[in-house]
Amino acid sequence: MKTSTDRILTTHVGSLPRSEVVSQGVFAIEAGEEIDLDAHCAEVAKAVKEVVARQVAAGIDVVSDGEMSKLSYATYIKDRITGFEGDSPRRAPADLEEHPSFLERMAKTGGTPTYKRPQCVGPIEVKDMGPCNEDIANFTAAVAASGPVEGFMNAASPGVIALFQPNVHYPDHESYLMALADAMRAEYEAIVEAGIVLQLDSPDLGLGRHMMFKGQPDEEYERLANLHVEALNHAVRNIPADMMRLHICWGNYEGPHTHDAPMSQVLPIALKAKPQALLFESSNPRHAHEWVTFAEADIPDDKVLIPGVIDSTTHFVEHPELVAQRLRKFVDIVGRERVMAGSDCGFSTFAGYAGIDPDIAYLKLAAMAEGAALV
């Protein structure tokens, strides 16, 4: 994994706005409709090339494929591993439960996903590596065409899969997690073997506190979150730490976030994960103050910090000077070689999400690059 040397490198969390034609194809496949799969695959490959080129043009050094082929960052796995069928009851975050009128408003404006979240109803094992291999091929071609500093690819952690797809098959949560870890290992290793940095998305460590583990005492949340990290480490046991990054967050939605676990509680757990780099929220109004937690923490010497220095839920385009100020706080803590500029979360965590306008999303990325250059 490339790190900052002559300058602060720029990256982001991964998902980027999909074109209307790609989104329509993804939803048609999800609905079981008959479509021209060859034409859809060609559109996805084209979209990946375009999104990589656009990231490079915006000044992003370490780019992703935008998750063009995926319905969402967690539920896509049902097409790649066995054991998942049907749908499951929705579990709203605790802060949104306290404000049902706002939750209803979000649903009406497309801020909450309506696609199915299947349950685990049977044994989990690798089903089809084809989609993963196709993603790798599309991304490799796009990187070769645009020449970024480096590329990374997102993959769901065992914990975030468990967060959104409840288990009704395995006898306990630990057995479920370990089955997921064993099955997802093939995807993780395939990405790294292709020379692509693996990003493990693990919102379960933050969002899970007020969603999956809501109502639990702190001790139980911490026990279960540590269990999630153990499962993740088991899954990536054959992968070098410096080829991985871990993303944690508290949910990519513009809500109260009054039940978010503090970084002081989440960070000690996240630091136990094997990946060298840690991506986290540090610019939105609920977590911007928590750079102090990093200043007070014992950060291992080999860890790389990728703070979110632009928000992914508002259309404000951050001023480059503000981006630079945010970055300098972390540079002062661990040194410039161990800091990269990132985003709080993704800009399109599921297909069809009408969150940030695509053009403005890239303006925000460009502002981040300008701010990083100032540092």
Protein backbone atom coordinates (compact mmCIF):
# COMPACT_ATOMS: atom_id res chain seq x y z
CA MET A 1 0.00 0.00 0.00
CA LYS A 2 1.34 3.41 -1.01
CA THR A 3 1.74 5.92 1.81
CA SER A 4 2.39 9.65 1.84
CA THR A 5 6.03 10.57 1.21
CA ASP A 6 6.63 13.69 -0.86
CA ARG A 7 3.05 14.84 -0.34
CA ILE A 8 -0.20 13.88 1.38
CA LEU A 9 -1.96 11.28 -0.75
CA THR A 10 -5.70 11.47 -1.36
CA THR A 11 -8.31 8.74 -1.41
CA HIS A 12 -11.92 8.19 -0.30
CA VAL A 13 -14.12 5.45 1.14
CA GLY A 14 -15.13 3.82 -2.12
CA SER A 15 -18.67 4.15 -3.46
CA LEU A 16 -19.37 6.81 -6.07
CA PRO A 17 -22.54 7.80 -7.95
CA ARG A 18 -23.61 5.26 -10.56
CA SER A 19 -25.09 6.18 -13.92
CA GLU A 20 -28.82 5.73 -14.43
CA VAL A 21 -28.29 2.92 -16.93
CA VAL A 22 -26.00 1.00 -14.55
CA SER A 23 -28.43 1.43 -11.65
CA GLN A 24 -31.34 0.24 -13.78
CA GLY A 25 -29.41 -2.86 -14.78
CA VAL A 26 -28.39 -3.66 -11.22
CA PHE A 27 -31.99 -3.38 -9.99
CA ALA A 28 -33.31 -5.41 -12.92
CA ILE A 29 -30.95 -8.26 -12.04
CA GLU A 30 -31.98 -7.96 -8.40
CA ALA A 31 -35.64 -8.25 -9.40
CA GLY A 32 -34.97 -11.31 -11.54
CA GLU A 33 -35.93 -9.56 -14.76
CA GLU A 34 -34.64 -10.75 -18.09
CA ILE A 35 -32.03 -8.33 -19.43
CA ASP A 36 -29.16 -8.44 -21.87
CA LEU A 37 -26.41 -9.41 -19.41
CA ASP A 38 -23.63 -8.89 -21.93
CA ALA A 39 -24.82 -5.34 -22.57
CA HIS A 40 -25.12 -4.69 -18.83
CA CYS A 41 -21.62 -6.01 -18.15
CA ALA A 42 -20.28 -3.80 -20.93
CA GLU A 43 -22.00 -0.78 -19.34
CA VAL A 44 -20.47 -1.59 -15.95
CA ALA A 45 -16.99 -1.94 -17.46
CA LYS A 46 -17.45 1.40 -19.23
CA ALA A 47 -18.66 3.02 -16.00
CA VAL A 48 -15.63 1.75 -14.09
CA LYS A 49 -13.26 3.26 -16.66
CA GLU A 50 -15.12 6.56 -16.53
CA VAL A 51 -15.26 6.72 -12.74
CA VAL A 52 -11.54 5.95 -12.37
CA ALA A 53 -10.64 8.59 -14.95
CA ARG A 54 -12.84 11.13 -13.20
CA GLN A 55 -11.22 10.42 -9.83
CA VAL A 56 -7.77 10.95 -11.31
CA ALA A 57 -8.91 14.19 -12.93
CA ALA A 58 -10.19 15.38 -9.53
CA GLY A 59 -6.79 14.77 -7.96
CA ILE A 60 -7.48 11.48 -6.21
CA ASP A 61 -4.34 9.35 -5.90
CA VAL A 62 -5.70 6.06 -4.55
CA VAL A 63 -8.88 5.28 -6.47
CA SER A 64 -11.68 2.71 -6.40
CA ASP A 65 -14.03 1.21 -8.97
CA GLY A 66 -16.85 3.20 -7.34
CA GLU A 67 -18.60 -0.12 -6.54
CA MET A 68 -20.31 0.19 -9.91
CA SER A 69 -21.38 -3.46 -10.13
CA LYS A 70 -22.86 -3.73 -6.64
CA LEU A 71 -26.39 -3.13 -5.45
CA SER A 72 -25.00 -2.16 -2.06
CA TYR A 73 -21.77 -2.51 -0.13
CA ALA A 74 -23.09 -5.29 2.14
CA THR A 75 -25.88 -7.21 0.39
CA TYR A 76 -23.94 -7.91 -2.81
CA ILE A 77 -22.47 -10.99 -1.13
CA LYS A 78 -25.65 -13.05 -1.61
CA ASP A 79 -24.59 -13.60 -5.23
CA ARG A 80 -21.11 -14.74 -4.21
CA ILE A 81 -21.62 -16.97 -1.18
CA THR A 82 -24.38 -19.46 -0.41
CA GLY A 83 -26.90 -19.53 2.43
CA PHE A 84 -28.84 -16.30 1.83
CA GLU A 85 -32.46 -16.02 0.72
CA GLY A 86 -35.57 -13.91 1.05
CA ASP A 87 -35.75 -10.70 3.05
CA SER A 88 -35.45 -9.67 6.68
CA PRO A 89 -37.12 -7.16 9.01
CA ARG A 90 -35.62 -3.68 9.02
CA ARG A 91 -33.78 -2.55 12.12
CA ALA A 92 -33.66 1.23 12.17
CA PRO A 93 -30.81 2.98 13.98
CA ALA A 94 -31.74 4.04 17.51
CA ASP A 95 -31.47 7.75 16.76
CA LEU A 96 -33.95 7.49 13.88
CA GLU A 97 -36.36 5.38 15.96
CA GLU A 98 -36.64 8.34 18.33
CA HIS A 99 -37.69 10.57 15.40
CA PRO A 100 -40.17 8.53 13.32
CA SER A 101 -41.33 11.53 11.29
CA PHE A 102 -37.77 12.13 10.14
CA LEU A 103 -37.30 8.41 9.40
CA GLU A 104 -40.45 8.52 7.25
CA ARG A 105 -39.14 11.61 5.49
CA MET A 106 -35.87 9.86 4.70
CA ALA A 107 -37.72 6.87 3.28
CA LYS A 108 -39.87 9.08 1.04
CA THR A 109 -36.87 10.94 -0.35
CA GLY A 110 -34.86 7.77 -1.09
CA GLY A 111 -32.51 8.13 1.87
CA THR A 112 -33.20 4.62 3.12
CA PRO A 113 -32.76 1.55 0.91
CA THR A 114 -35.80 -0.45 -0.25
CA TYR A 115 -34.01 -3.48 -1.71
CA LYS A 116 -34.13 -6.89 -0.04
CA ARG A 117 -31.75 -7.82 2.76
CA PRO A 118 -31.72 -11.62 2.73
CA GLN A 119 -31.36 -13.73 5.85
CA CYS A 120 -28.84 -16.50 6.38
CA VAL A 121 -30.97 -19.62 6.09
CA GLY A 122 -28.38 -22.26 5.23
CA PRO A 123 -24.69 -23.22 5.23
CA ILE A 124 -22.32 -20.52 4.02
CA GLU A 125 -19.62 -21.29 1.48
CA VAL A 126 -18.20 -19.84 -1.72
CA LYS A 127 -20.80 -19.95 -4.50
CA ASP A 128 -19.40 -17.99 -7.44
CA MET A 129 -16.08 -16.16 -7.81
CA GLY A 130 -17.13 -14.90 -11.24
CA PRO A 131 -18.52 -11.53 -10.10
CA CYS A 132 -15.40 -10.82 -8.04
CA ASN A 133 -13.09 -11.77 -10.90
CA GLU A 134 -15.10 -9.56 -13.28
CA ASP A 135 -14.79 -6.61 -10.87
CA ILE A 136 -11.04 -7.17 -10.68
CA ALA A 137 -10.70 -7.35 -14.48
CA ASN A 138 -12.75 -4.17 -15.01
CA PHE A 139 -10.83 -2.25 -12.36
CA THR A 140 -7.41 -3.46 -13.52
CA ALA A 141 -8.18 -2.27 -17.05
CA ALA A 142 -9.43 1.10 -15.79
CA VAL A 143 -6.36 1.65 -13.61
CA ALA A 144 -4.08 0.80 -16.53
CA ALA A 145 -5.90 3.34 -18.70
CA SER A 146 -5.83 6.26 -16.23
CA GLY A 147 -2.66 5.63 -14.24
CA PRO A 148 -3.55 6.60 -10.66
CA VAL A 149 -0.98 6.16 -7.89
CA GLU A 150 -2.79 3.04 -6.69
CA GLY A 151 -6.14 1.29 -6.62
CA PHE A 152 -8.21 -0.21 -3.84
CA MET A 153 -11.31 -2.38 -3.88
CA ASN A 154 -14.07 -2.59 -1.29
CA ALA A 155 -15.25 -5.83 0.27
CA ALA A 156 -17.76 -6.38 3.06
CA SER A 157 -16.34 -7.49 6.39
CA PRO A 158 -17.89 -10.50 8.13
CA GLY A 159 -19.31 -8.16 10.75
CA VAL A 160 -21.12 -5.82 8.37
CA ILE A 161 -22.61 -8.80 6.52
CA ALA A 162 -23.98 -10.01 9.86
CA LEU A 163 -25.23 -6.50 10.64
CA PHE A 164 -27.52 -6.30 7.62
CA GLN A 165 -28.26 -10.00 7.00
CA PRO A 166 -29.47 -11.67 10.21
CA ASN A 167 -28.77 -15.31 10.96
CA VAL A 168 -31.52 -17.89 11.38
CA HIS A 169 -29.37 -20.93 10.58
CA TYR A 170 -26.25 -21.07 12.74
CA PRO A 171 -26.59 -21.86 16.45
CA ASP A 172 -24.96 -18.64 17.64
CA HIS A 173 -23.50 -15.35 16.46
CA GLU A 174 -19.90 -16.53 16.74
CA SER A 175 -20.51 -19.54 14.50
CA TYR A 176 -22.20 -17.29 11.95
CA LEU A 177 -19.30 -14.82 11.94
CA MET A 178 -16.67 -17.50 11.51
CA ALA A 179 -18.58 -19.11 8.65
CA LEU A 180 -18.73 -15.72 6.96
CA ALA A 181 -15.02 -15.18 7.56
CA ASP A 182 -14.11 -18.52 5.99
CA ALA A 183 -16.30 -17.93 2.94
CA MET A 184 -15.25 -14.31 2.31
CA ARG A 185 -11.56 -15.18 2.56
CA ALA A 186 -11.53 -16.22 -1.11
CA GLU A 187 -12.70 -12.78 -2.26
CA TYR A 188 -10.29 -10.94 0.03
CA GLU A 189 -7.32 -12.97 -1.16
CA ALA A 190 -8.30 -12.71 -4.84
CA ILE A 191 -8.32 -8.89 -4.65
CA VAL A 192 -4.87 -8.75 -3.06
CA GLU A 193 -3.43 -11.39 -5.39
CA ALA A 194 -4.43 -9.09 -8.26
CA GLY A 195 -2.22 -6.37 -6.77
CA ILE A 196 -5.16 -4.29 -5.53
CA VAL A 197 -5.32 -2.91 -1.99
CA LEU A 198 -8.18 -4.51 -0.06
CA GLN A 199 -10.55 -2.22 1.83
CA LEU A 200 -12.66 -4.01 4.41
CA ASP A 201 -15.85 -2.10 5.14
CA SER A 202 -16.75 -2.51 8.82
CA PRO A 203 -19.46 -0.03 9.86
CA ASP A 204 -20.60 -2.69 12.33
CA LEU A 205 -17.95 -1.42 14.75
CA GLY A 206 -19.56 2.04 14.85
CA LEU A 207 -23.05 1.87 13.35
CA GLY A 208 -23.56 -1.51 14.97
CA ARG A 209 -23.65 0.09 18.43
CA HIS A 210 -26.94 1.90 17.76
CA MET A 211 -28.36 -0.63 15.32
CA MET A 212 -27.27 -4.26 15.76
CA PHE A 213 -26.27 -3.90 19.42
CA LYS A 214 -28.75 -1.23 20.50
CA GLY A 215 -30.13 -1.78 23.96
CA GLN A 216 -27.10 -3.81 24.98
CA PRO A 217 -24.88 -2.67 27.85
CA ASP A 218 -21.50 -1.29 26.87
CA GLU A 219 -19.71 -4.41 28.05
CA GLU A 220 -21.74 -6.64 25.73
CA TYR A 221 -21.32 -4.31 22.75
CA GLU A 222 -17.56 -4.26 23.29
CA ARG A 223 -17.44 -8.06 23.63
CA LEU A 224 -19.36 -8.57 20.40
CA ALA A 225 -17.46 -5.87 18.50
CA ASN A 226 -14.18 -7.50 19.53
CA LEU A 227 -15.60 -10.78 18.26
CA HIS A 228 -16.23 -9.12 14.91
CA VAL A 229 -12.59 -8.03 14.76
CA GLU A 230 -11.44 -11.56 15.62
CA ALA A 231 -13.51 -12.95 12.73
CA LEU A 232 -12.09 -10.33 10.36
CA ASN A 233 -8.52 -11.10 11.42
CA HIS A 234 -9.20 -14.80 10.91
CA ALA A 235 -10.44 -14.13 7.37
CA VAL A 236 -7.36 -12.08 6.39
CA ARG A 237 -4.76 -14.20 8.15
CA ASN A 238 -2.90 -14.85 4.88
CA ILE A 239 -2.86 -11.22 3.72
CA PRO A 240 -0.09 -8.74 4.65
CA ALA A 241 -1.34 -5.89 6.83
CA ASP A 242 0.14 -3.31 4.46
CA MET A 243 -2.15 -4.45 1.65
CA MET A 244 -5.29 -3.68 3.64
CA ARG A 245 -7.31 -0.77 4.98
CA LEU A 246 -10.29 -0.84 7.35
CA HIS A 247 -13.26 1.53 7.09
CA ILE A 248 -15.39 2.26 10.15
CA CYS A 249 -18.32 4.66 10.39
CA TRP A 250 -21.57 5.38 12.22
CA GLY A 251 -23.90 5.22 9.23
CA ASN A 252 -23.84 7.29 6.05
CA TYR A 253 -27.03 9.24 6.68
CA GLU A 254 -27.77 12.83 7.63
CA GLY A 255 -29.54 12.23 10.94
CA PRO A 256 -29.23 13.15 14.62
CA HIS A 257 -26.56 10.50 15.38
CA THR A 258 -27.24 11.08 19.06
CA HIS A 259 -26.69 7.39 19.84
CA ASP A 260 -23.31 7.04 18.11
CA ALA A 261 -20.70 5.30 20.22
CA PRO A 262 -17.84 7.69 20.99
CA MET A 263 -14.56 7.22 19.14
CA SER A 264 -12.92 6.65 22.51
CA GLN A 265 -14.95 3.43 22.73
CA VAL A 266 -14.63 2.36 19.09
CA LEU A 267 -10.97 3.14 18.45
CA PRO A 268 -9.37 0.62 20.86
CA ILE A 269 -11.45 -2.11 19.20
CA ALA A 270 -10.70 -1.00 15.64
CA LEU A 271 -6.96 -0.82 16.33
CA LYS A 272 -6.96 -4.57 17.03
CA ALA A 273 -7.82 -5.27 13.40
CA LYS A 274 -4.94 -6.38 11.18
CA PRO A 275 -5.26 -3.86 8.30
CA GLN A 276 -2.55 -1.20 8.38
CA ALA A 277 -4.72 1.79 7.46
CA LEU A 278 -7.83 3.03 9.24
CA LEU A 279 -10.47 5.18 7.52
CA PHE A 280 -12.92 6.98 9.82
CA GLU A 281 -15.31 9.91 10.06
CA SER A 282 -13.76 13.13 11.32
CA SER A 283 -15.47 16.00 9.54
CA ASN A 284 -19.22 15.72 10.22
CA PRO A 285 -20.67 17.69 13.15
CA ARG A 286 -21.02 14.63 15.39
CA HIS A 287 -17.44 13.38 15.12
CA ALA A 288 -15.25 16.31 14.05
CA HIS A 289 -14.11 16.90 17.63
CA GLU A 290 -12.77 13.38 18.07
CA TRP A 291 -9.33 14.06 16.62
CA VAL A 292 -8.54 14.64 20.30
CA THR A 293 -9.15 10.94 20.94
CA PHE A 294 -6.37 10.08 18.50
CA ALA A 295 -4.06 12.61 20.14
CA GLU A 296 -4.62 10.89 23.49
CA ALA A 297 -4.49 7.30 22.17
CA ASP A 298 -1.52 4.99 21.83
CA ILE A 299 -1.53 4.58 18.04
CA PRO A 300 0.73 1.70 16.92
CA ASP A 301 3.75 2.90 14.94
CA ASP A 302 2.74 0.98 11.83
CA LYS A 303 -0.81 2.32 11.56
CA VAL A 304 -1.77 4.77 8.81
CA LEU A 305 -4.63 7.18 9.50
CA ILE A 306 -7.08 8.20 6.77
CA PRO A 307 -9.43 10.71 8.39
CA GLY A 308 -12.54 11.86 6.60
CA VAL A 309 -11.83 15.48 5.75
CA ILE A 310 -14.93 15.93 3.57
CA ASP A 311 -18.50 15.03 4.52
CA SER A 312 -20.41 12.60 2.31
CA THR A 313 -23.96 13.64 3.31
CA THR A 314 -24.14 17.38 2.52
CA HIS A 315 -23.72 19.47 -0.61
CA PHE A 316 -21.42 21.97 1.05
CA VAL A 317 -18.10 21.89 -0.80
CA GLU A 318 -15.43 22.14 1.85
CA HIS A 319 -12.91 24.95 1.49
CA PRO A 320 -9.39 23.61 0.81
CA GLU A 321 -8.10 25.57 3.81
CA LEU A 322 -10.56 23.73 6.07
CA VAL A 323 -9.44 20.42 4.58
CA ALA A 324 -5.83 21.38 5.29
CA GLN A 325 -6.66 22.33 8.88
CA ARG A 326 -8.34 18.99 9.46
CA LEU A 327 -5.40 17.09 8.00
CA ARG A 328 -2.81 19.00 10.01
CA LYS A 329 -4.41 17.87 13.26
CA PHE A 330 -3.62 14.26 12.38
CA VAL A 331 -0.22 15.08 10.88
CA ASP A 332 0.70 16.57 14.23
CA ILE A 333 -0.30 13.32 15.95
CA VAL A 334 1.38 10.61 13.85
CA GLY A 335 3.49 12.46 11.25
CA ARG A 336 2.79 13.29 7.63
CA GLU A 337 4.01 9.95 6.27
CA ARG A 338 1.23 8.18 8.16
CA VAL A 339 -1.69 10.37 7.11
CA MET A 340 -3.78 10.29 3.93
CA ALA A 341 -6.79 12.41 3.08
CA GLY A 342 -10.11 10.59 2.89
CA SER A 343 -13.89 11.05 3.01
CA ASP A 344 -16.24 10.38 5.91
CA CYS A 345 -18.05 7.65 3.96
CA GLY A 346 -19.04 6.72 0.41
CA PHE A 347 -21.07 8.96 -1.89
CA SER A 348 -23.43 6.22 -3.09
CA THR A 349 -23.61 3.35 -0.64
CA PHE A 350 -26.35 1.68 -2.66
CA ALA A 351 -27.49 1.87 -6.28
CA GLY A 352 -30.14 4.47 -6.97
CA TYR A 353 -29.27 6.47 -3.85
CA ALA A 354 -30.01 10.10 -4.68
CA GLY A 355 -27.69 11.51 -2.07
CA ILE A 356 -24.95 13.86 -3.24
CA ASP A 357 -25.27 15.19 -6.78
CA PRO A 358 -22.56 13.47 -8.85
CA ASP A 359 -20.96 16.67 -10.09
CA ILE A 360 -20.82 18.09 -6.57
CA ALA A 361 -19.35 14.84 -5.23
CA TYR A 362 -16.40 15.30 -7.56
CA LEU A 363 -16.12 18.99 -6.61
CA LYS A 364 -15.77 17.85 -3.01
CA LEU A 365 -13.08 15.36 -3.99
CA ALA A 366 -11.23 18.08 -5.89
CA ALA A 367 -11.43 20.38 -2.85
CA MET A 368 -9.93 17.59 -0.76
CA ALA A 369 -7.04 17.28 -3.22
CA GLU A 370 -6.45 21.04 -3.07
CA GLY A 371 -6.42 20.95 0.72
CA ALA A 372 -4.03 18.02 0.82
CA ALA A 373 -1.68 19.90 -1.52
CA LEU A 374 -1.64 22.82 0.93
CA VAL A 375 -0.45 20.51 3.68
